[in-house]
Amino acid sequence: MNQRVRIKKMVTVGMLSGISYLLMWLSFPLPLLPPYLSVDFSDVPALLAAILFGPVAGITVEAIKNLLHYMVQGSMTGVPVGQMANFTAGVLFILPTYFIFKKIRTTKGLGIGLVAGTAFMAVMMSVLNYYVFLPAFTYFLNVPMGSSAVVIKSIVYGILPFNIIKGLIVTFLFLLLYKKLSFWLERQWFTKNV
């Protein structure tokens, strides 16, 4: 990769990280779901970075966004558990989307990838919340965890539907963005591969 392309990639990933961080602040809770779960659109720039430059670029955007968020806002636990959960969810969403879209480089392929990414993220985040993130929150906040049945109920009726809805909202927005940028993206892929 020549120097000019490398600089362009670094600048674009940095810019998308900044946009992603700003979008993280525009979060809102969903009705009927726990208020500590809020939807934001910060995965959209990370998806764009992954599609333009590969999965490492998307993961980098997710990492920088969450690092900035922790540095500016901090965490109620003192440890960036929420930011780690957000980073993990973003990566679990981006990777299936990228790899499916890489195989089927059409709008339909992108849609399939986004739906697969949503499903993968929702299932894996349910498992990770049960074993990692919810225990970490309760440990660092020094509050009782609750019974296994209560935790499973909060995951099934809160976290799982939240991740599905968030993934579908991001899917819809990203497909709209992709339609607007498809010609520009095709040019970027062409110039990258020449």
Protein backbone atom coordinates (compact mmCIF):
# COMPACT_ATOMS: atom_id res chain seq x y z
CA MET A 1 0.00 0.00 0.00
CA ASN A 2 1.53 3.30 -0.99
CA GLN A 3 1.98 6.21 1.41
CA ARG A 4 -0.87 8.29 -0.04
CA VAL A 5 -3.41 5.47 0.31
CA ARG A 6 -2.23 4.71 3.85
CA ILE A 7 -2.62 8.37 4.88
CA LYS A 8 -6.08 8.53 3.26
CA LYS A 9 -7.12 5.41 5.17
CA MET A 10 -5.79 6.76 8.50
CA VAL A 11 -7.53 10.12 8.02
CA THR A 12 -10.82 8.46 7.01
CA VAL A 13 -10.75 6.03 9.95
CA GLY A 14 -9.95 8.93 12.32
CA MET A 15 -12.78 11.02 10.89
CA LEU A 16 -15.25 8.12 11.08
CA SER A 17 -14.14 7.46 14.69
CA GLY A 18 -14.91 11.07 15.60
CA ILE A 19 -18.32 10.91 13.90
CA SER A 20 -19.03 7.60 15.64
CA TYR A 21 -18.12 9.11 19.01
CA LEU A 22 -20.44 12.09 18.43
CA LEU A 23 -23.27 9.78 17.36
CA MET A 24 -22.82 7.88 20.62
CA TRP A 25 -24.05 10.99 22.46
CA LEU A 26 -27.32 11.00 20.47
CA SER A 27 -28.70 7.96 22.27
CA PHE A 28 -32.24 7.30 23.38
CA PRO A 29 -34.01 4.53 25.32
CA LEU A 30 -36.67 2.34 23.72
CA PRO A 31 -40.15 2.25 25.23
CA LEU A 32 -41.00 -0.86 27.30
CA LEU A 33 -37.32 -1.82 27.64
CA PRO A 34 -34.96 -1.09 30.55
CA PRO A 35 -33.86 2.57 30.51
CA TYR A 36 -30.16 1.69 30.88
CA LEU A 37 -30.29 0.26 27.35
CA SER A 38 -30.16 3.07 24.80
CA VAL A 39 -29.98 3.05 21.02
CA ASP A 40 -27.38 5.10 19.20
CA PHE A 41 -26.20 5.15 15.61
CA SER A 42 -22.47 5.02 16.33
CA ASP A 43 -22.08 1.65 14.56
CA VAL A 44 -22.93 3.22 11.19
CA PRO A 45 -19.50 4.90 10.71
CA ALA A 46 -17.77 1.73 11.93
CA LEU A 47 -19.68 -0.31 9.33
CA LEU A 48 -18.70 2.20 6.66
CA ALA A 49 -15.03 1.93 7.70
CA ALA A 50 -15.22 -1.88 7.55
CA ILE A 51 -16.80 -1.88 4.11
CA LEU A 52 -14.29 0.64 2.77
CA PHE A 53 -11.07 -0.67 4.35
CA GLY A 54 -11.78 -4.05 5.91
CA PRO A 55 -12.76 -5.37 9.34
CA VAL A 56 -9.71 -4.00 11.17
CA ALA A 57 -10.75 -0.45 10.22
CA GLY A 58 -14.27 -1.03 11.54
CA ILE A 59 -12.93 -2.53 14.77
CA THR A 60 -10.56 0.44 15.11
CA VAL A 61 -13.47 2.89 14.81
CA GLU A 62 -15.36 0.95 17.51
CA ALA A 63 -12.29 0.97 19.78
CA ILE A 64 -11.51 4.68 19.37
CA LYS A 65 -15.16 5.66 19.86
CA ASN A 66 -15.42 3.73 23.12
CA LEU A 67 -12.03 4.89 24.37
CA LEU A 68 -13.02 8.53 23.78
CA HIS A 69 -16.37 7.93 25.46
CA TYR A 70 -14.70 6.43 28.54
CA MET A 71 -12.11 9.23 28.71
CA VAL A 72 -14.76 11.97 28.49
CA GLN A 73 -17.73 10.47 30.32
CA GLY A 74 -16.15 7.78 32.48
CA SER A 75 -18.20 4.89 33.81
CA MET A 76 -20.52 4.51 36.79
CA THR A 77 -18.60 1.35 37.72
CA GLY A 78 -15.21 3.07 37.51
CA VAL A 79 -14.22 0.38 35.00
CA PRO A 80 -15.31 0.70 31.34
CA VAL A 81 -17.74 -2.25 31.46
CA GLY A 82 -20.40 -0.41 29.43
CA GLN A 83 -17.86 0.69 26.85
CA MET A 84 -16.48 -2.84 26.59
CA ALA A 85 -20.02 -4.15 26.06
CA ASN A 86 -20.64 -1.50 23.39
CA PHE A 87 -17.32 -2.34 21.67
CA THR A 88 -18.09 -6.07 21.74
CA ALA A 89 -21.61 -5.58 20.38
CA GLY A 90 -20.27 -3.38 17.57
CA VAL A 91 -17.60 -5.90 16.58
CA LEU A 92 -20.12 -8.78 16.69
CA PHE A 93 -22.36 -6.74 14.37
CA ILE A 94 -19.66 -5.59 11.95
CA LEU A 95 -17.78 -8.84 11.32
CA PRO A 96 -20.62 -10.99 9.92
CA THR A 97 -21.85 -8.03 7.88
CA TYR A 98 -18.42 -7.46 6.37
CA PHE A 99 -17.68 -11.11 5.54
CA ILE A 100 -21.09 -11.77 3.94
CA PHE A 101 -20.95 -8.51 1.98
CA LYS A 102 -17.43 -9.39 0.82
CA LYS A 103 -18.84 -12.61 -0.73
CA ILE A 104 -22.06 -11.06 -2.11
CA ARG A 105 -21.17 -7.50 -3.13
CA THR A 106 -24.71 -6.28 -3.85
CA THR A 107 -27.33 -4.37 -1.90
CA LYS A 108 -29.05 -7.72 -1.27
CA GLY A 109 -25.77 -9.17 0.04
CA LEU A 110 -25.35 -6.16 2.30
CA GLY A 111 -28.90 -6.60 3.60
CA ILE A 112 -28.28 -10.30 4.28
CA GLY A 113 -25.02 -9.41 6.04
CA LEU A 114 -26.68 -6.76 8.19
CA VAL A 115 -29.50 -9.11 9.23
CA ALA A 116 -26.97 -11.87 9.99
CA GLY A 117 -24.89 -9.34 11.95
CA THR A 118 -27.97 -8.32 13.93
CA ALA A 119 -28.85 -11.94 14.76
CA PHE A 120 -25.26 -12.84 15.65
CA MET A 121 -24.85 -9.76 17.85
CA ALA A 122 -28.18 -10.31 19.62
CA VAL A 123 -27.48 -13.96 20.44
CA MET A 124 -23.83 -13.50 21.42
CA MET A 125 -24.53 -10.41 23.54
CA SER A 126 -27.23 -12.35 25.39
CA VAL A 127 -24.68 -15.05 26.23
CA LEU A 128 -21.95 -12.53 27.08
CA ASN A 129 -24.30 -10.49 29.26
CA TYR A 130 -25.18 -13.61 31.24
CA TYR A 131 -21.59 -14.73 31.77
CA VAL A 132 -19.52 -11.52 31.58
CA PHE A 133 -21.10 -8.07 31.45
CA LEU A 134 -23.96 -8.31 33.97
CA PRO A 135 -21.74 -10.07 36.55
CA ALA A 136 -19.07 -7.39 35.98
CA PHE A 137 -21.61 -4.56 36.48
CA THR A 138 -22.91 -6.05 39.70
CA TYR A 139 -19.40 -6.81 40.97
CA PHE A 140 -18.03 -3.30 40.36
CA LEU A 141 -21.20 -1.62 41.64
CA ASN A 142 -21.15 -3.90 44.67
CA VAL A 143 -24.80 -4.91 44.32
CA PRO A 144 -26.28 -8.41 44.49
CA MET A 145 -26.52 -10.23 41.15
CA GLY A 146 -29.95 -11.77 41.59
CA SER A 147 -30.96 -15.33 40.85
CA SER A 148 -30.15 -17.04 37.59
CA ALA A 149 -33.86 -16.98 36.66
CA VAL A 150 -34.03 -13.19 37.17
CA VAL A 151 -30.91 -12.63 35.06
CA ILE A 152 -32.23 -14.87 32.26
CA LYS A 153 -35.57 -13.05 32.35
CA SER A 154 -33.85 -9.65 32.08
CA ILE A 155 -31.83 -10.93 29.11
CA VAL A 156 -34.77 -12.55 27.30
CA TYR A 157 -37.19 -9.66 27.84
CA GLY A 158 -34.71 -6.76 27.80
CA ILE A 159 -31.27 -7.27 26.33
CA LEU A 160 -32.16 -9.68 23.50
CA PRO A 161 -35.05 -7.62 22.06
CA PHE A 162 -33.04 -4.44 22.54
CA ASN A 163 -30.13 -5.76 20.46
CA ILE A 164 -32.49 -7.03 17.76
CA ILE A 165 -34.29 -3.67 17.53
CA LYS A 166 -31.02 -1.70 17.62
CA GLY A 167 -29.53 -3.92 14.90
CA LEU A 168 -32.60 -3.49 12.69
CA ILE A 169 -32.59 0.30 13.14
CA VAL A 170 -28.87 0.47 12.24
CA THR A 171 -29.52 -1.91 9.31
CA PHE A 172 -32.26 0.33 7.95
CA LEU A 173 -30.15 3.49 8.32
CA PHE A 174 -27.06 1.89 6.81
CA LEU A 175 -28.98 0.58 3.79
CA LEU A 176 -30.31 4.11 3.19
CA LEU A 177 -26.78 5.51 3.49
CA TYR A 178 -25.38 2.79 1.22
CA LYS A 179 -27.90 3.62 -1.51
CA LYS A 180 -26.81 7.27 -1.39
CA LEU A 181 -23.09 6.40 -1.34
CA SER A 182 -23.03 3.32 -3.58
CA PHE A 183 -21.53 5.09 -6.61
CA TRP A 184 -18.82 6.74 -4.46
CA LEU A 185 -18.09 3.45 -2.68
CA GLU A 186 -17.70 1.61 -6.00
CA ARG A 187 -15.15 4.23 -7.07
CA GLN A 188 -13.25 3.82 -3.80
CA TRP A 189 -13.08 0.03 -4.23
CA PHE A 190 -12.02 0.42 -7.87
CA THR A 191 -9.20 2.88 -7.07
CA LYS A 192 -8.09 0.74 -4.10
CA ASN A 193 -7.81 -2.38 -6.28
CA VAL A 194 -6.11 -0.75 -9.29
